[in-house]
Amino acid sequence: MFSRHWGATPDEISAPVVGDEICVDAHVSETRCITIAAPPHEVFPWIRQMGFGRAGWYSYDWIDNLGRKSATAIHAEWQLAQSGSRIPGGPIDFEAAIVDPPRSFVLSLGSGDRKSRRITFTLAYELRDHPAGTRLVTRMRARTKAPGGALFDRLLLAPGDGIMVRKQLRTLARRCSAS
């Protein structure tokens, strides 16, 4: 079920993705991708509205949204995220480090104004033109700065993120293709 690079081609894995420079010394860097039958300008609003208490994360809602169902439609009130915006994540908040509609959206923890001493984490969404619509390339990068941090990142954080993002990508593909 878990794959470090679920859905990604060798070229997508080796190529840079927007936001890589935020966590340059990552213990883990994992690329997950999906093709969506909708153009980038129709996919981007679904990503922009993500967040706890907002649209949710389109993954296993009982885990990352306290049982509240993720949005099934675009909501105008959740389309305001800009670079620097706070994105609620539940027990922690992310920063929208890069917001470049309709091409990229990068969530960050431990960078910018909310710099953490213990963890740097990014989750990037890069929307690329594709003959079928959009190729959504995601990349998670993380570095935990604590004893055993590399082990934590590789054995716990990465697999958990992989399971959640795989579900998220499949849900986004269904929602965007149906809208």
N, C-alpha and C. Protein backbone atom coordinates (compact mmCIF):
# COMPACT_ATOMS: atom_id res chain seq x y z
N MET A 1 0.82 -1.20 0.00
CA MET A 1 0.00 0.00 0.00
C MET A 1 0.86 1.27 0.00
N PHE A 2 1.91 1.28 0.83
CA PHE A 2 2.77 2.45 0.94
C PHE A 2 3.86 2.39 -0.11
N SER A 3 4.08 3.50 -0.75
CA SER A 3 5.18 3.62 -1.70
C SER A 3 5.79 5.00 -1.55
N ARG A 4 7.10 5.03 -1.46
CA ARG A 4 7.79 6.31 -1.32
C ARG A 4 7.48 7.24 -2.49
N HIS A 5 7.29 6.66 -3.65
CA HIS A 5 7.10 7.48 -4.85
C HIS A 5 5.89 6.97 -5.63
N TRP A 6 4.78 6.82 -4.94
CA TRP A 6 3.56 6.30 -5.54
C TRP A 6 3.15 7.14 -6.75
N GLY A 7 2.95 6.49 -7.90
CA GLY A 7 2.47 7.13 -9.11
C GLY A 7 3.49 7.98 -9.85
N ALA A 8 4.68 8.15 -9.32
CA ALA A 8 5.68 9.04 -9.93
C ALA A 8 6.56 8.28 -10.91
N THR A 9 6.94 8.97 -11.97
CA THR A 9 7.89 8.41 -12.93
C THR A 9 9.31 8.69 -12.44
N PRO A 10 10.30 7.96 -12.96
CA PRO A 10 11.69 8.26 -12.58
C PRO A 10 12.08 9.72 -12.83
N ASP A 11 11.60 10.30 -13.93
CA ASP A 11 11.90 11.71 -14.21
C ASP A 11 11.29 12.64 -13.17
N GLU A 12 10.05 12.35 -12.74
CA GLU A 12 9.40 13.18 -11.72
C GLU A 12 10.12 13.07 -10.38
N ILE A 13 10.62 11.89 -10.07
CA ILE A 13 11.33 11.68 -8.81
C ILE A 13 12.64 12.45 -8.78
N SER A 14 13.36 12.45 -9.90
CA SER A 14 14.68 13.08 -9.93
C SER A 14 14.64 14.58 -10.22
N ALA A 15 13.56 15.08 -10.82
CA ALA A 15 13.47 16.50 -11.16
C ALA A 15 13.14 17.35 -9.95
N PRO A 16 13.57 18.61 -9.94
CA PRO A 16 13.18 19.49 -8.84
C PRO A 16 11.68 19.78 -8.87
N VAL A 17 11.14 20.06 -7.69
CA VAL A 17 9.74 20.45 -7.53
C VAL A 17 9.75 21.76 -6.75
N VAL A 18 8.81 22.63 -7.05
CA VAL A 18 8.71 23.90 -6.36
C VAL A 18 8.73 23.67 -4.85
N GLY A 19 9.49 24.47 -4.13
CA GLY A 19 9.58 24.38 -2.68
C GLY A 19 10.69 23.49 -2.17
N ASP A 20 11.40 22.77 -3.04
CA ASP A 20 12.51 21.92 -2.59
C ASP A 20 13.53 22.72 -1.78
N GLU A 21 13.71 23.98 -2.15
CA GLU A 21 14.72 24.81 -1.51
C GLU A 21 14.37 25.19 -0.07
N ILE A 22 13.15 24.96 0.36
CA ILE A 22 12.74 25.31 1.73
C ILE A 22 13.32 24.32 2.73
N CYS A 23 13.44 23.06 2.34
CA CYS A 23 13.99 22.02 3.21
C CYS A 23 15.12 21.32 2.46
N VAL A 24 16.23 22.02 2.33
CA VAL A 24 17.34 21.51 1.51
C VAL A 24 18.06 20.33 2.13
N ASP A 25 18.06 20.23 3.45
CA ASP A 25 18.80 19.17 4.13
C ASP A 25 17.86 18.06 4.64
N ALA A 26 16.87 17.71 3.85
CA ALA A 26 15.84 16.76 4.25
C ALA A 26 16.39 15.36 4.51
N HIS A 27 15.83 14.71 5.53
CA HIS A 27 16.11 13.29 5.75
C HIS A 27 15.32 12.44 4.77
N VAL A 28 14.13 12.92 4.40
CA VAL A 28 13.29 12.21 3.44
C VAL A 28 12.78 13.19 2.39
N SER A 29 12.67 12.68 1.18
CA SER A 29 12.10 13.43 0.06
C SER A 29 11.34 12.42 -0.77
N GLU A 30 10.03 12.55 -0.78
CA GLU A 30 9.19 11.55 -1.43
C GLU A 30 8.21 12.21 -2.39
N THR A 31 8.14 11.68 -3.59
CA THR A 31 7.34 12.25 -4.66
C THR A 31 6.19 11.32 -4.98
N ARG A 32 4.98 11.88 -5.01
CA ARG A 32 3.78 11.10 -5.32
C ARG A 32 2.97 11.88 -6.35
N CYS A 33 2.45 11.18 -7.35
CA CYS A 33 1.83 11.86 -8.48
C CYS A 33 0.56 11.16 -8.94
N ILE A 34 -0.27 11.95 -9.64
CA ILE A 34 -1.48 11.41 -10.25
C ILE A 34 -1.85 12.30 -11.43
N THR A 35 -2.48 11.70 -12.42
CA THR A 35 -3.02 12.46 -13.55
C THR A 35 -4.50 12.69 -13.29
N ILE A 36 -4.93 13.93 -13.45
CA ILE A 36 -6.31 14.32 -13.18
C ILE A 36 -6.95 14.82 -14.47
N ALA A 37 -8.15 14.35 -14.75
CA ALA A 37 -8.86 14.71 -15.98
C ALA A 37 -9.55 16.07 -15.85
N ALA A 38 -8.76 17.09 -15.57
CA ALA A 38 -9.24 18.48 -15.48
C ALA A 38 -8.01 19.37 -15.63
N PRO A 39 -8.17 20.57 -16.19
CA PRO A 39 -7.01 21.45 -16.36
C PRO A 39 -6.56 22.03 -15.01
N PRO A 40 -5.30 22.49 -14.93
CA PRO A 40 -4.78 23.02 -13.67
C PRO A 40 -5.66 24.10 -13.02
N HIS A 41 -6.26 24.98 -13.81
CA HIS A 41 -7.06 26.05 -13.20
C HIS A 41 -8.33 25.52 -12.53
N GLU A 42 -8.73 24.29 -12.85
CA GLU A 42 -9.87 23.67 -12.17
C GLU A 42 -9.44 22.82 -10.97
N VAL A 43 -8.20 22.38 -10.97
CA VAL A 43 -7.68 21.57 -9.87
C VAL A 43 -7.19 22.46 -8.72
N PHE A 44 -6.55 23.57 -9.05
CA PHE A 44 -5.92 24.42 -8.04
C PHE A 44 -6.87 24.86 -6.92
N PRO A 45 -8.11 25.27 -7.20
CA PRO A 45 -8.99 25.70 -6.10
C PRO A 45 -9.24 24.60 -5.05
N TRP A 46 -9.25 23.36 -5.47
CA TRP A 46 -9.43 22.25 -4.52
C TRP A 46 -8.25 22.21 -3.55
N ILE A 47 -7.06 22.43 -4.05
CA ILE A 47 -5.86 22.40 -3.22
C ILE A 47 -5.80 23.65 -2.33
N ARG A 48 -6.11 24.78 -2.89
CA ARG A 48 -6.01 26.05 -2.15
C ARG A 48 -6.93 26.07 -0.93
N GLN A 49 -8.03 25.35 -0.97
CA GLN A 49 -8.99 25.42 0.14
C GLN A 49 -8.74 24.38 1.23
N MET A 50 -7.67 23.59 1.09
CA MET A 50 -7.40 22.55 2.09
C MET A 50 -7.11 23.16 3.45
N GLY A 51 -7.35 22.37 4.47
CA GLY A 51 -7.00 22.76 5.83
C GLY A 51 -8.03 22.26 6.82
N PHE A 52 -7.60 22.07 8.04
CA PHE A 52 -8.46 21.63 9.11
C PHE A 52 -9.48 22.73 9.43
N GLY A 53 -10.77 22.37 9.49
CA GLY A 53 -11.81 23.37 9.71
C GLY A 53 -12.16 24.14 8.45
N ARG A 54 -11.54 23.81 7.37
CA ARG A 54 -11.82 24.37 6.06
C ARG A 54 -12.33 23.22 5.20
N ALA A 55 -11.69 22.96 4.08
CA ALA A 55 -12.13 21.89 3.18
C ALA A 55 -11.67 20.51 3.64
N GLY A 56 -10.83 20.45 4.66
CA GLY A 56 -10.25 19.19 5.06
C GLY A 56 -9.04 18.88 4.19
N TRP A 57 -8.66 17.60 4.18
CA TRP A 57 -7.45 17.19 3.47
C TRP A 57 -7.74 16.15 2.39
N TYR A 58 -9.00 15.79 2.18
CA TYR A 58 -9.41 14.82 1.15
C TYR A 58 -8.77 13.45 1.36
N SER A 59 -8.42 13.12 2.57
CA SER A 59 -7.78 11.85 2.85
C SER A 59 -8.69 11.03 3.75
N TYR A 60 -8.14 10.39 4.75
CA TYR A 60 -8.95 9.63 5.70
C TYR A 60 -9.46 10.61 6.75
N ASP A 61 -10.67 11.10 6.53
CA ASP A 61 -11.21 12.17 7.36
C ASP A 61 -11.27 11.82 8.84
N TRP A 62 -11.46 10.57 9.18
CA TRP A 62 -11.53 10.18 10.58
C TRP A 62 -10.19 10.35 11.27
N ILE A 63 -9.10 10.43 10.49
CA ILE A 63 -7.76 10.63 11.07
C ILE A 63 -7.40 12.11 11.09
N ASP A 64 -7.47 12.76 9.93
CA ASP A 64 -6.92 14.12 9.85
C ASP A 64 -7.96 15.23 9.81
N ASN A 65 -9.22 14.90 10.01
CA ASN A 65 -10.24 15.94 10.01
C ASN A 65 -11.27 15.68 11.13
N LEU A 66 -10.88 14.87 12.12
CA LEU A 66 -11.72 14.53 13.27
C LEU A 66 -13.12 14.07 12.86
N GLY A 67 -13.18 13.30 11.79
CA GLY A 67 -14.45 12.73 11.34
C GLY A 67 -15.29 13.63 10.46
N ARG A 68 -14.93 14.89 10.34
CA ARG A 68 -15.67 15.81 9.48
C ARG A 68 -15.31 15.51 8.03
N LYS A 69 -16.32 15.35 7.19
CA LYS A 69 -16.09 15.00 5.78
C LYS A 69 -15.42 16.16 5.03
N SER A 70 -14.42 15.82 4.24
CA SER A 70 -13.76 16.82 3.40
C SER A 70 -14.75 17.39 2.39
N ALA A 71 -14.51 18.60 1.96
CA ALA A 71 -15.40 19.30 1.04
C ALA A 71 -15.61 18.52 -0.26
N THR A 72 -16.81 18.63 -0.78
CA THR A 72 -17.14 17.99 -2.06
C THR A 72 -17.42 19.04 -3.13
N ALA A 73 -17.15 20.30 -2.80
CA ALA A 73 -17.34 21.41 -3.75
C ALA A 73 -16.32 22.49 -3.44
N ILE A 74 -16.13 23.38 -4.39
CA ILE A 74 -15.26 24.54 -4.20
C ILE A 74 -16.02 25.58 -3.37
N HIS A 75 -15.37 26.15 -2.37
CA HIS A 75 -15.97 27.18 -1.51
C HIS A 75 -15.19 28.48 -1.67
N ALA A 76 -15.87 29.53 -2.09
CA ALA A 76 -15.22 30.82 -2.33
C ALA A 76 -14.53 31.36 -1.07
N GLU A 77 -15.12 31.13 0.09
CA GLU A 77 -14.56 31.67 1.33
C GLU A 77 -13.22 31.02 1.70
N TRP A 78 -12.87 29.90 1.09
CA TRP A 78 -11.61 29.23 1.38
C TRP A 78 -10.59 29.42 0.25
N GLN A 79 -10.84 30.36 -0.64
CA GLN A 79 -9.95 30.59 -1.77
C GLN A 79 -9.02 31.78 -1.56
N LEU A 80 -8.85 32.20 -0.33
CA LEU A 80 -8.10 33.42 -0.04
C LEU A 80 -6.64 33.17 0.35
N ALA A 81 -6.22 31.93 0.48
CA ALA A 81 -4.85 31.63 0.90
C ALA A 81 -3.85 32.23 -0.08
N GLN A 82 -2.91 32.97 0.48
CA GLN A 82 -1.81 33.58 -0.28
C GLN A 82 -0.51 33.15 0.37
N SER A 83 0.61 33.42 -0.26
CA SER A 83 1.91 33.12 0.35
C SER A 83 1.97 33.83 1.70
N GLY A 84 2.33 33.08 2.73
CA GLY A 84 2.39 33.62 4.09
C GLY A 84 1.15 33.35 4.92
N SER A 85 0.06 32.91 4.30
CA SER A 85 -1.18 32.63 5.05
C SER A 85 -0.99 31.44 5.98
N ARG A 86 -1.69 31.49 7.09
CA ARG A 86 -1.73 30.36 8.03
C ARG A 86 -2.76 29.37 7.53
N ILE A 87 -2.38 28.10 7.45
CA ILE A 87 -3.28 27.03 7.04
C ILE A 87 -3.44 26.10 8.23
N PRO A 88 -4.63 26.05 8.83
CA PRO A 88 -4.81 25.20 10.01
C PRO A 88 -4.65 23.72 9.65
N GLY A 89 -3.88 23.03 10.48
CA GLY A 89 -3.63 21.62 10.22
C GLY A 89 -4.15 20.71 11.32
N GLY A 90 -4.89 21.26 12.26
CA GLY A 90 -5.34 20.48 13.42
C GLY A 90 -4.54 20.92 14.62
N PRO A 91 -3.70 20.04 15.15
CA PRO A 91 -2.92 20.44 16.32
C PRO A 91 -1.78 21.41 15.98
N ILE A 92 -1.45 21.54 14.72
CA ILE A 92 -0.40 22.46 14.28
C ILE A 92 -0.92 23.29 13.11
N ASP A 93 -0.27 24.39 12.86
CA ASP A 93 -0.61 25.21 11.70
C ASP A 93 0.55 25.17 10.71
N PHE A 94 0.19 25.14 9.43
CA PHE A 94 1.17 25.24 8.36
C PHE A 94 1.19 26.67 7.87
N GLU A 95 2.23 27.00 7.13
CA GLU A 95 2.29 28.25 6.40
C GLU A 95 2.16 27.93 4.92
N ALA A 96 1.36 28.71 4.21
CA ALA A 96 1.33 28.61 2.75
C ALA A 96 2.59 29.32 2.27
N ALA A 97 3.66 28.58 2.12
CA ALA A 97 4.96 29.16 1.79
C ALA A 97 4.99 29.70 0.37
N ILE A 98 4.35 28.99 -0.55
CA ILE A 98 4.30 29.41 -1.97
C ILE A 98 2.88 29.17 -2.46
N VAL A 99 2.26 30.22 -2.98
CA VAL A 99 0.94 30.11 -3.61
C VAL A 99 1.05 30.82 -4.95
N ASP A 100 1.02 30.04 -6.02
CA ASP A 100 1.17 30.56 -7.37
C ASP A 100 0.11 29.93 -8.27
N PRO A 101 -1.13 30.48 -8.22
CA PRO A 101 -2.23 29.88 -8.99
C PRO A 101 -1.97 29.96 -10.49
N PRO A 102 -2.34 28.98 -11.25
CA PRO A 102 -2.80 27.65 -10.87
C PRO A 102 -1.69 26.61 -10.91
N ARG A 103 -0.47 26.98 -10.63
CA ARG A 103 0.68 26.08 -10.83
C ARG A 103 1.26 25.45 -9.58
N SER A 104 1.23 26.15 -8.45
CA SER A 104 1.89 25.56 -7.29
C SER A 104 1.32 26.07 -5.97
N PHE A 105 1.38 25.16 -4.99
CA PHE A 105 0.94 25.44 -3.63
C PHE A 105 1.85 24.63 -2.71
N VAL A 106 2.55 25.32 -1.81
CA VAL A 106 3.49 24.64 -0.93
C VAL A 106 3.16 24.95 0.51
N LEU A 107 2.92 23.90 1.29
CA LEU A 107 2.71 24.03 2.73
C LEU A 107 4.04 23.81 3.42
N SER A 108 4.29 24.57 4.48
CA SER A 108 5.56 24.48 5.18
C SER A 108 5.33 24.53 6.68
N LEU A 109 6.19 23.83 7.38
CA LEU A 109 6.23 23.85 8.84
C LEU A 109 7.70 24.00 9.21
N GLY A 110 7.98 24.97 10.06
CA GLY A 110 9.35 25.15 10.51
C GLY A 110 10.20 26.01 9.60
N SER A 111 9.57 26.83 8.78
CA SER A 111 10.32 27.77 7.94
C SER A 111 9.63 29.12 8.04
N GLY A 112 10.25 30.13 7.50
CA GLY A 112 9.64 31.46 7.51
C GLY A 112 9.47 32.01 8.91
N ASP A 113 8.38 32.75 9.14
CA ASP A 113 8.15 33.42 10.41
C ASP A 113 7.86 32.46 11.55
N ARG A 114 7.40 31.26 11.25
CA ARG A 114 7.05 30.29 12.29
C ARG A 114 8.14 29.22 12.41
N LYS A 115 9.38 29.65 12.37
CA LYS A 115 10.50 28.72 12.34
C LYS A 115 10.52 27.81 13.58
N SER A 116 10.52 26.53 13.32
CA SER A 116 10.59 25.53 14.37
C SER A 116 12.04 25.13 14.58
N ARG A 117 12.40 24.88 15.79
CA ARG A 117 13.76 24.41 16.06
C ARG A 117 13.87 22.91 15.87
N ARG A 118 12.74 22.21 15.79
CA ARG A 118 12.79 20.75 15.79
C ARG A 118 12.46 20.11 14.45
N ILE A 119 11.64 20.73 13.62
CA ILE A 119 11.25 20.06 12.38
C ILE A 119 11.11 21.08 11.25
N THR A 120 11.55 20.66 10.09
CA THR A 120 11.27 21.39 8.86
C THR A 120 10.54 20.39 7.97
N PHE A 121 9.38 20.80 7.48
CA PHE A 121 8.51 19.91 6.70
C PHE A 121 7.88 20.73 5.59
N THR A 122 7.89 20.19 4.39
CA THR A 122 7.16 20.83 3.29
C THR A 122 6.34 19.77 2.56
N LEU A 123 5.20 20.20 2.08
CA LEU A 123 4.38 19.39 1.19
C LEU A 123 4.02 20.28 0.02
N ALA A 124 4.61 19.97 -1.13
CA ALA A 124 4.45 20.78 -2.33
C ALA A 124 3.47 20.12 -3.29
N TYR A 125 2.66 20.95 -3.93
CA TYR A 125 1.74 20.52 -4.98
C TYR A 125 2.10 21.32 -6.22
N GLU A 126 2.55 20.63 -7.24
CA GLU A 126 2.90 21.29 -8.51
C GLU A 126 1.96 20.76 -9.58
N LEU A 127 1.25 21.66 -10.24
CA LEU A 127 0.26 21.29 -11.25
C LEU A 127 0.87 21.53 -12.63
N ARG A 128 1.02 20.46 -13.37
CA ARG A 128 1.65 20.53 -14.70
C ARG A 128 0.63 20.19 -15.76
N ASP A 129 0.72 20.88 -16.90
CA ASP A 129 -0.15 20.56 -18.03
C ASP A 129 0.13 19.13 -18.48
N HIS A 130 -0.94 18.45 -18.86
CA HIS A 130 -0.85 17.06 -19.31
C HIS A 130 -1.92 16.88 -20.39
N PRO A 131 -1.68 16.05 -21.39
CA PRO A 131 -2.69 15.85 -22.44
C PRO A 131 -4.07 15.44 -21.89
N ALA A 132 -4.08 14.74 -20.75
CA ALA A 132 -5.36 14.33 -20.15
C ALA A 132 -5.93 15.38 -19.21
N GLY A 133 -5.19 16.45 -18.94
CA GLY A 133 -5.65 17.51 -18.04
C GLY A 133 -4.51 18.06 -17.20
N THR A 134 -4.29 17.47 -16.01
CA THR A 134 -3.26 17.94 -15.09
C THR A 134 -2.45 16.77 -14.56
N ARG A 135 -1.17 16.95 -14.52
CA ARG A 135 -0.31 16.01 -13.80
C ARG A 135 0.00 16.70 -12.47
N LEU A 136 -0.53 16.14 -11.39
CA LEU A 136 -0.32 16.69 -10.06
C LEU A 136 0.86 15.97 -9.42
N VAL A 137 1.93 16.72 -9.22
CA VAL A 137 3.16 16.19 -8.65
C VAL A 137 3.27 16.75 -7.23
N THR A 138 3.33 15.85 -6.26
CA THR A 138 3.51 16.28 -4.87
C THR A 138 4.87 15.82 -4.38
N ARG A 139 5.41 16.60 -3.49
CA ARG A 139 6.67 16.19 -2.87
C ARG A 139 6.64 16.58 -1.40
N MET A 140 6.91 15.58 -0.56
CA MET A 140 7.05 15.80 0.88
C MET A 140 8.54 15.74 1.20
N ARG A 141 8.99 16.74 1.94
CA ARG A 141 10.38 16.76 2.41
C ARG A 141 10.35 17.05 3.91
N ALA A 142 11.19 16.36 4.66
CA ALA A 142 11.19 16.58 6.11
C ALA A 142 12.56 16.35 6.71
N ARG A 143 12.79 17.10 7.77
CA ARG A 143 13.99 16.93 8.59
C ARG A 143 13.63 17.25 10.03
N THR A 144 13.70 16.23 10.88
CA THR A 144 13.48 16.42 12.30
C THR A 144 14.84 16.57 12.97
N LYS A 145 15.01 17.70 13.66
CA LYS A 145 16.30 18.02 14.30
C LYS A 145 16.23 17.64 15.77
N ALA A 146 16.42 16.36 16.03
CA ALA A 146 16.41 15.83 17.40
C ALA A 146 17.12 14.49 17.36
N PRO A 147 17.56 14.00 18.51
CA PRO A 147 18.15 12.66 18.50
C PRO A 147 17.16 11.65 17.90
N GLY A 148 17.62 10.87 16.96
CA GLY A 148 16.75 9.91 16.29
C GLY A 148 15.84 10.52 15.25
N GLY A 149 16.06 11.78 14.92
CA GLY A 149 15.19 12.48 13.96
C GLY A 149 15.13 11.84 12.59
N ALA A 150 16.27 11.42 12.07
CA ALA A 150 16.29 10.79 10.75
C ALA A 150 15.51 9.48 10.77
N LEU A 151 15.64 8.73 11.84
CA LEU A 151 14.90 7.48 11.98
C LEU A 151 13.39 7.75 12.07
N PHE A 152 13.01 8.74 12.85
CA PHE A 152 11.60 9.14 12.95
C PHE A 152 11.05 9.52 11.58
N ASP A 153 11.79 10.35 10.85
CA ASP A 153 11.34 10.80 9.53
C ASP A 153 11.16 9.63 8.56
N ARG A 154 12.11 8.71 8.56
CA ARG A 154 12.08 7.61 7.60
C ARG A 154 11.09 6.50 7.96
N LEU A 155 10.97 6.21 9.26
CA LEU A 155 10.16 5.05 9.66
C LEU A 155 8.73 5.39 10.07
N LEU A 156 8.47 6.62 10.48
CA LEU A 156 7.13 6.99 10.93
C LEU A 156 6.49 8.07 10.06
N LEU A 157 7.17 9.20 9.94
CA LEU A 157 6.58 10.33 9.21
C LEU A 157 6.34 10.00 7.74
N ALA A 158 7.34 9.50 7.05
CA ALA A 158 7.21 9.24 5.61
C ALA A 158 6.14 8.20 5.29
N PRO A 159 6.11 7.04 5.95
CA PRO A 159 5.05 6.08 5.62
C PRO A 159 3.65 6.62 5.91
N GLY A 160 3.50 7.29 7.05
CA GLY A 160 2.18 7.85 7.39
C GLY A 160 1.74 8.89 6.38
N ASP A 161 2.66 9.77 6.00
CA ASP A 161 2.35 10.78 4.99
C ASP A 161 2.03 10.11 3.66
N GLY A 162 2.76 9.07 3.31
CA GLY A 162 2.53 8.38 2.04
C GLY A 162 1.14 7.79 1.95
N ILE A 163 0.68 7.16 3.01
CA ILE A 163 -0.66 6.58 3.04
C ILE A 163 -1.72 7.67 2.89
N MET A 164 -1.53 8.78 3.61
CA MET A 164 -2.52 9.86 3.58
C MET A 164 -2.53 10.58 2.21
N VAL A 165 -1.35 10.87 1.67
CA VAL A 165 -1.28 11.60 0.40
C VAL A 165 -1.81 10.74 -0.75
N ARG A 166 -1.54 9.45 -0.72
CA ARG A 166 -2.09 8.56 -1.77
C ARG A 166 -3.61 8.67 -1.81
N LYS A 167 -4.24 8.58 -0.65
CA LYS A 167 -5.71 8.72 -0.56
C LYS A 167 -6.14 10.12 -1.00
N GLN A 168 -5.40 11.12 -0.57
CA GLN A 168 -5.70 12.50 -0.95
C GLN A 168 -5.69 12.68 -2.47
N LEU A 169 -4.66 12.17 -3.13
CA LEU A 169 -4.55 12.32 -4.58
C LEU A 169 -5.69 11.62 -5.30
N ARG A 170 -6.03 10.43 -4.85
CA ARG A 170 -7.15 9.71 -5.47
C ARG A 170 -8.47 10.45 -5.28
N THR A 171 -8.68 11.00 -4.10
CA THR A 171 -9.90 11.76 -3.85
C THR A 171 -9.93 13.02 -4.71
N LEU A 172 -8.82 13.74 -4.78
CA LEU A 172 -8.76 14.94 -5.62
C LEU A 172 -9.06 14.60 -7.08
N ALA A 173 -8.51 13.50 -7.57
CA ALA A 173 -8.75 13.12 -8.96
C ALA A 173 -10.24 12.87 -9.21
N ARG A 174 -10.90 12.19 -8.27
CA ARG A 174 -12.35 11.94 -8.41
C ARG A 174 -13.14 13.25 -8.34
N ARG A 175 -12.83 14.09 -7.38
CA ARG A 175 -13.61 15.33 -7.20
C ARG A 175 -13.40 16.28 -8.38
N CYS A 176 -12.17 16.42 -8.83
CA CYS A 176 -11.90 17.35 -9.95
C CYS A 176 -12.48 16.84 -11.25
N SER A 177 -12.45 15.55 -11.47
CA SER A 177 -12.98 14.98 -12.71
C SER A 177 -14.51 15.07 -12.75
N ALA A 178 -15.14 15.07 -11.57
CA ALA A 178 -16.59 15.12 -11.49
C ALA A 178 -17.15 16.53 -11.55
N SER A 179 -16.31 17.53 -11.28
CA SER A 179 -16.82 18.92 -11.22
C SER A 179 -16.90 19.57 -12.58
